[in-house]
Amino acid sequence: MTKDKKDQTFIITNQSAYFLRPFDSLGAIITAIKFDGRNYDLRENAIMTSLRLKNKLDFIVGSIIKPKRIEGEYSNEVKAWEMVNCMVMS
């Protein structure tokens, strides 16, 4: 992105953490391992691996933070972050 506000473009490629695939849907099962009160480490590892595979782990670990919203504007980057963050939280 450039510094000039008029030239700013937000492009999502298939390698971007913002890219949503058809199977990245709300309520999608990301691991078959159910938490039984004793297998926290196993389940955590399965969830982290699944999110890493989907290129969404950065939303959980905080590497991708919500972009700042400029007053009076609602940028495509903010919209994309909110959509993916909601999907990951679900």
C-alpha atoms as a PDB file:
ATOM      1  CA  MET A   1       0.000   0.000   0.000  1.00  0.00           C
ATOM      2  CA  THR A   2       1.110   3.513  -0.671  1.00  0.00           C
ATOM      3  CA  LYS A   3       1.082   6.408   1.751  1.00  0.00           C
ATOM      4  CA  ASP A   4      -1.225   8.466  -0.480  1.00  0.00           C
ATOM      5  CA  LYS A   5      -4.800   7.932   0.705  1.00  0.00           C
ATOM      6  CA  LYS A   6      -6.160   8.097  -2.853  1.00  0.00           C
ATOM      7  CA  ASP A   7      -3.847   5.318  -4.060  1.00  0.00           C
ATOM      8  CA  GLN A   8      -4.477   2.845  -1.238  1.00  0.00           C
ATOM      9  CA  THR A   9      -5.670  -0.523  -2.476  1.00  0.00           C
ATOM     10  CA  PHE A  10      -6.403  -3.559  -0.359  1.00  0.00           C
ATOM     11  CA  ILE A  11      -6.076  -6.770  -2.360  1.00  0.00           C
ATOM     12  CA  ILE A  12      -6.771 -10.239  -0.982  1.00  0.00           C
ATOM     13  CA  THR A  13      -4.873 -13.057  -2.677  1.00  0.00           C
ATOM     14  CA  ASN A  14      -5.326 -16.777  -2.060  1.00  0.00           C
ATOM     15  CA  GLN A  15      -2.190 -16.658   0.124  1.00  0.00           C
ATOM     16  CA  SER A  16      -3.604 -13.935   2.373  1.00  0.00           C
ATOM     17  CA  ALA A  17      -4.890 -14.656   5.873  1.00  0.00           C
ATOM     18  CA  TYR A  18      -7.949 -12.641   4.829  1.00  0.00           C
ATOM     19  CA  PHE A  19      -8.800 -15.104   2.039  1.00  0.00           C
ATOM     20  CA  LEU A  20     -11.880 -17.216   2.845  1.00  0.00           C
ATOM     21  CA  ARG A  21     -12.365 -20.544   1.110  1.00  0.00           C
ATOM     22  CA  PRO A  22     -15.753 -22.227   0.711  1.00  0.00           C
ATOM     23  CA  PHE A  23     -14.970 -24.636   3.577  1.00  0.00           C
ATOM     24  CA  ASP A  24     -14.065 -21.727   5.898  1.00  0.00           C
ATOM     25  CA  SER A  25     -17.612 -21.387   7.126  1.00  0.00           C
ATOM     26  CA  LEU A  26     -19.271 -20.517  10.408  1.00  0.00           C
ATOM     27  CA  GLY A  27     -19.437 -23.498  12.725  1.00  0.00           C
ATOM     28  CA  ALA A  28     -17.123 -25.638  10.609  1.00  0.00           C
ATOM     29  CA  ILE A  29     -15.569 -28.491  12.565  1.00  0.00           C
ATOM     30  CA  ILE A  30     -11.819 -27.954  12.640  1.00  0.00           C
ATOM     31  CA  THR A  31     -10.927 -31.037  14.676  1.00  0.00           C
ATOM     32  CA  ALA A  32     -12.613 -34.305  15.558  1.00  0.00           C
ATOM     33  CA  ILE A  33     -10.891 -34.366  18.943  1.00  0.00           C
ATOM     34  CA  LYS A  34     -13.419 -33.566  21.672  1.00  0.00           C
ATOM     35  CA  PHE A  35     -12.291 -31.988  24.909  1.00  0.00           C
ATOM     36  CA  ASP A  36     -12.800 -34.438  27.763  1.00  0.00           C
ATOM     37  CA  GLY A  37     -11.262 -32.417  30.581  1.00  0.00           C
ATOM     38  CA  ARG A  38      -7.902 -34.186  30.340  1.00  0.00           C
ATOM     39  CA  ASN A  39      -6.761 -33.812  26.734  1.00  0.00           C
ATOM     40  CA  TYR A  40      -6.249 -30.040  26.609  1.00  0.00           C
ATOM     41  CA  ASP A  41      -2.744 -30.266  25.059  1.00  0.00           C
ATOM     42  CA  LEU A  42      -3.873 -32.690  22.346  1.00  0.00           C
ATOM     43  CA  ARG A  43      -6.923 -30.582  21.452  1.00  0.00           C
ATOM     44  CA  GLU A  44      -4.954 -27.323  21.542  1.00  0.00           C
ATOM     45  CA  ASN A  45      -2.377 -28.795  19.179  1.00  0.00           C
ATOM     46  CA  ALA A  46      -5.099 -30.017  16.788  1.00  0.00           C
ATOM     47  CA  ILE A  47      -6.834 -26.625  16.768  1.00  0.00           C
ATOM     48  CA  MET A  48      -3.586 -24.687  16.285  1.00  0.00           C
ATOM     49  CA  THR A  49      -2.559 -27.021  13.455  1.00  0.00           C
ATOM     50  CA  SER A  50      -5.944 -26.626  11.763  1.00  0.00           C
ATOM     51  CA  LEU A  51      -5.850 -22.830  12.032  1.00  0.00           C
ATOM     52  CA  ARG A  52      -2.256 -22.783  10.734  1.00  0.00           C
ATOM     53  CA  LEU A  53      -3.329 -24.948   7.787  1.00  0.00           C
ATOM     54  CA  LYS A  54      -6.182 -22.531   7.019  1.00  0.00           C
ATOM     55  CA  ASN A  55      -3.775 -19.568   7.362  1.00  0.00           C
ATOM     56  CA  LYS A  56      -5.892 -18.117  10.193  1.00  0.00           C
ATOM     57  CA  LEU A  57      -3.607 -18.709  13.194  1.00  0.00           C
ATOM     58  CA  ASP A  58      -2.359 -15.110  13.100  1.00  0.00           C
ATOM     59  CA  PHE A  59      -5.839 -13.939  14.123  1.00  0.00           C
ATOM     60  CA  ILE A  60      -5.635 -16.058  17.299  1.00  0.00           C
ATOM     61  CA  VAL A  61      -2.052 -15.300  18.298  1.00  0.00           C
ATOM     62  CA  GLY A  62      -2.487 -11.568  17.648  1.00  0.00           C
ATOM     63  CA  SER A  63      -0.116 -11.136  14.709  1.00  0.00           C
ATOM     64  CA  ILE A  64      -2.976  -9.630  12.705  1.00  0.00           C
ATOM     65  CA  ILE A  65      -4.644  -6.880  14.658  1.00  0.00           C
ATOM     66  CA  LYS A  66      -7.786  -5.021  13.670  1.00  0.00           C
ATOM     67  CA  PRO A  67      -6.897  -2.180  11.319  1.00  0.00           C
ATOM     68  CA  LYS A  68      -7.654   1.281  12.591  1.00  0.00           C
ATOM     69  CA  ARG A  69     -10.854   2.722  11.226  1.00  0.00           C
ATOM     70  CA  ILE A  70     -10.545   6.235   9.883  1.00  0.00           C
ATOM     71  CA  GLU A  71     -13.435   8.395  11.057  1.00  0.00           C
ATOM     72  CA  GLY A  72     -16.100   8.655   8.393  1.00  0.00           C
ATOM     73  CA  GLU A  73     -14.702   5.725   6.396  1.00  0.00           C
ATOM     74  CA  TYR A  74     -15.177   1.989   6.497  1.00  0.00           C
ATOM     75  CA  SER A  75     -12.285   0.481   4.569  1.00  0.00           C
ATOM     76  CA  ASN A  76     -12.218  -2.836   2.767  1.00  0.00           C
ATOM     77  CA  GLU A  77      -9.406  -3.955   5.074  1.00  0.00           C
ATOM     78  CA  VAL A  78     -11.536  -3.327   8.178  1.00  0.00           C
ATOM     79  CA  LYS A  79     -14.461  -5.186   6.573  1.00  0.00           C
ATOM     80  CA  ALA A  80     -12.225  -8.126   5.624  1.00  0.00           C
ATOM     81  CA  TRP A  81     -10.687  -8.286   9.116  1.00  0.00           C
ATOM     82  CA  GLU A  82     -14.125  -8.296  10.754  1.00  0.00           C
ATOM     83  CA  MET A  83     -15.442 -11.052   8.445  1.00  0.00           C
ATOM     84  CA  VAL A  84     -12.460 -13.352   8.999  1.00  0.00           C
ATOM     85  CA  ASN A  85     -12.286 -12.622  12.728  1.00  0.00           C
ATOM     86  CA  CYS A  86     -15.981 -13.546  13.108  1.00  0.00           C
ATOM     87  CA  MET A  87     -15.409 -16.756  11.166  1.00  0.00           C
ATOM     88  CA  VAL A  88     -12.430 -17.705  13.328  1.00  0.00           C
ATOM     89  CA  MET A  89     -14.300 -16.894  16.568  1.00  0.00           C
ATOM     90  CA  SER A  90     -17.267 -19.034  15.523  1.00  0.00           C
END
